[in-house]
Protein backbone atom coordinates (compact mmCIF):
# COMPACT_ATOMS: atom_id res chain seq x y z
CA MET A 1 -38.87 5.54 -8.14
CA GLU A 2 -37.79 7.32 -4.98
CA PRO A 3 -38.70 11.03 -4.75
CA TRP A 4 -35.06 12.04 -4.28
CA ALA A 5 -34.15 10.31 -7.56
CA VAL A 6 -36.93 12.21 -9.33
CA TRP A 7 -35.50 15.48 -7.96
CA LEU A 8 -32.06 14.57 -9.29
CA LEU A 9 -33.55 13.69 -12.69
CA VAL A 10 -35.40 17.02 -12.76
CA ALA A 11 -32.15 18.80 -11.80
CA ALA A 12 -30.29 17.12 -14.65
CA LEU A 13 -33.02 17.97 -17.18
CA LEU A 14 -33.15 21.60 -16.02
CA GLY A 15 -29.35 21.83 -16.21
CA ILE A 16 -29.39 20.53 -19.78
CA ALA A 17 -32.20 22.94 -20.70
CA GLU A 18 -30.18 25.83 -19.22
CA MET A 19 -27.27 25.02 -21.52
CA PHE A 20 -29.56 25.51 -24.52
CA THR A 21 -31.45 28.60 -23.33
CA VAL A 22 -28.80 30.47 -21.28
CA THR A 23 -31.52 32.28 -19.33
CA LEU A 24 -29.92 31.63 -15.94
CA ALA A 25 -33.37 30.82 -14.52
CA LEU A 26 -33.39 27.12 -15.37
CA GLY A 27 -29.90 26.66 -13.96
CA LEU A 28 -30.97 28.14 -10.64
CA LEU A 29 -34.03 25.88 -10.59
CA ALA A 30 -31.70 22.94 -11.30
CA VAL A 31 -29.62 23.86 -8.25
CA ALA A 32 -32.79 24.04 -6.14
CA ALA A 33 -33.92 20.64 -7.45
CA LEU A 34 -30.48 19.21 -6.65
CA ALA A 35 -30.76 20.56 -3.09
CA ALA A 36 -34.23 19.00 -2.78
CA GLY A 37 -32.87 15.68 -4.07
CA LEU A 38 -30.06 15.73 -1.55
CA THR A 39 -32.60 16.51 1.17
CA GLY A 40 -34.60 13.44 0.10
CA ALA A 41 -31.46 11.31 -0.03
CA LEU A 42 -30.86 12.22 3.62
CA GLY A 43 -34.24 10.68 4.43
CA LEU A 44 -36.32 13.79 5.02
CA PRO A 45 -39.99 13.65 4.02
CA LEU A 46 -41.41 14.90 0.71
CA ALA A 47 -42.81 18.05 2.38
CA ALA A 48 -39.28 19.03 3.46
CA GLN A 49 -37.98 18.36 -0.05
CA VAL A 50 -40.66 20.59 -1.59
CA ALA A 51 -39.91 23.30 0.98
CA VAL A 52 -36.17 23.16 0.16
CA PHE A 53 -36.98 23.38 -3.56
CA ALA A 54 -39.32 26.34 -3.02
CA VAL A 55 -36.89 28.27 -0.82
CA GLY A 56 -33.96 27.49 -3.11
CA SER A 57 -35.89 28.51 -6.23
CA LEU A 58 -37.13 31.72 -4.66
CA ALA A 59 -33.67 32.66 -3.35
CA GLY A 60 -32.05 31.89 -6.69
CA LEU A 61 -34.55 33.77 -8.81
CA VAL A 62 -35.00 36.77 -6.51
CA VAL A 63 -31.47 37.23 -5.15
CA VAL A 64 -28.88 35.50 -7.33
CA ARG A 65 -30.32 36.01 -10.83
CA PRO A 66 -30.54 39.85 -10.72
CA VAL A 67 -26.99 40.11 -9.39
CA ALA A 68 -25.67 37.73 -12.05
CA ARG A 69 -27.52 39.56 -14.83
CA ARG A 70 -26.01 42.89 -13.71
CA HIS A 71 -22.53 41.39 -13.86
CA ILE A 72 -23.14 39.89 -17.30
CA ALA A 73 -24.48 43.20 -18.64
CA GLN A 74 -21.43 45.24 -17.58
CA PRO A 75 -19.36 46.60 -20.47
CA PRO A 76 -15.77 45.38 -20.75
CA PRO A 77 -13.31 47.44 -18.72
CA LEU A 78 -11.68 50.25 -20.64
CA ARG A 79 -7.93 50.19 -20.88
CA SER A 80 -6.31 53.50 -20.09
CA GLY A 81 -2.83 54.85 -19.45
CA THR A 82 0.05 52.65 -20.51
CA ALA A 83 -2.19 49.56 -20.69
CA ALA A 84 -3.99 51.17 -23.65
CA LEU A 85 -0.72 51.29 -25.59
CA VAL A 86 -0.14 47.53 -25.49
CA GLY A 87 -1.10 46.07 -28.84
CA ARG A 88 -0.72 49.34 -30.75
CA GLU A 89 1.65 49.95 -33.61
CA ALA A 90 4.85 51.99 -33.22
CA ILE A 91 7.27 53.53 -35.69
CA THR A 92 10.88 53.51 -34.61
CA LEU A 93 12.55 56.93 -34.78
CA THR A 94 16.04 55.62 -34.06
CA GLU A 95 17.56 52.17 -34.10
CA VAL A 96 16.09 50.22 -31.20
CA ASN A 97 18.44 47.72 -29.59
CA ARG A 98 19.26 46.29 -26.17
CA GLN A 99 20.66 49.64 -25.02
CA GLY A 100 17.52 51.51 -26.05
CA GLY A 101 16.10 53.72 -28.75
CA ARG A 102 13.12 55.96 -29.53
CA ALA A 103 9.72 55.17 -31.05
CA ARG A 104 6.53 57.06 -31.85
CA ILE A 105 3.39 55.48 -30.41
CA GLY A 106 0.09 57.21 -31.08
CA GLY A 107 1.70 60.60 -31.65
CA GLU A 108 3.93 60.45 -28.57
CA GLU A 109 7.65 59.77 -28.44
CA TRP A 110 8.68 56.92 -26.14
CA THR A 111 11.93 55.33 -25.11
CA ALA A 112 11.97 51.82 -26.48
CA ARG A 113 13.87 48.59 -26.54
CA PRO A 114 13.15 45.29 -28.26
CA TYR A 115 11.02 42.71 -26.46
CA ASP A 116 13.57 40.10 -27.51
CA PRO A 117 16.95 41.47 -26.31
CA GLY A 118 18.78 39.90 -29.25
CA LEU A 119 16.82 41.86 -31.85
CA VAL A 120 17.81 45.13 -33.47
CA ILE A 121 14.96 47.15 -35.00
CA PRO A 122 16.13 49.69 -37.59
CA ALA A 123 14.97 53.31 -37.67
CA GLY A 124 11.71 53.83 -39.57
CA ALA A 125 10.48 50.26 -39.01
CA LEU A 126 7.01 49.31 -37.86
CA ALA A 127 6.78 47.43 -34.58
CA ASP A 128 4.08 46.18 -32.24
CA VAL A 129 4.03 47.33 -28.63
CA LEU A 130 4.05 44.12 -26.57
CA ALA A 131 4.50 45.65 -23.12
CA ILE A 132 5.29 48.83 -21.23
CA GLU A 133 7.88 48.75 -18.44
CA GLY A 134 7.94 52.06 -16.62
CA ALA A 135 8.45 54.65 -19.36
CA THR A 136 9.93 52.20 -21.88
CA ALA A 137 7.96 50.47 -24.62
CA LEU A 138 8.96 46.91 -25.43
CA LEU A 139 8.66 46.44 -29.19
CA TYR A 140 8.62 43.55 -31.60
CA PRO A 141 9.19 44.27 -35.29
CA VAL A 142 6.37 43.71 -37.77
CA SER A 143 7.56 41.38 -40.52
CA THR A 144 8.00 42.86 -44.00
CA GLU A 145 5.14 40.68 -45.33
CA GLU A 146 2.75 42.18 -42.75
CA GLN A 147 3.79 45.74 -43.68
CA ARG A 148 2.55 45.36 -47.28
């Protein structure tokens, strides 16, 4: 078997092993083995293939892996401002229709209108905040079965 084919086989095996371990190290070694296999397929000698594998492995493990691990370890971004209101529950203070209305969201009073312009949400109803447009909350009523 040609050396370049062995490199490609090693790359495939390392890629499969990475899917089961999720360490990020084996995947980077697989990429280095793939580069070495492509180097061999171009007709370069085995010494060049080994050098490409060594440089690729070292670069992947020393440079790429720490950066990738830092990005994976970051906490999810916190939603703040009006974005934090989307998905919350609102209580309508007045009837909310296409022309407008008022709703209480998290202790604050907001102008509101229904997300679906054809809906009318009665006063005192529960609604979900689907979006915020400027200073207006777009609401969708919670069904009576969900309110129980």
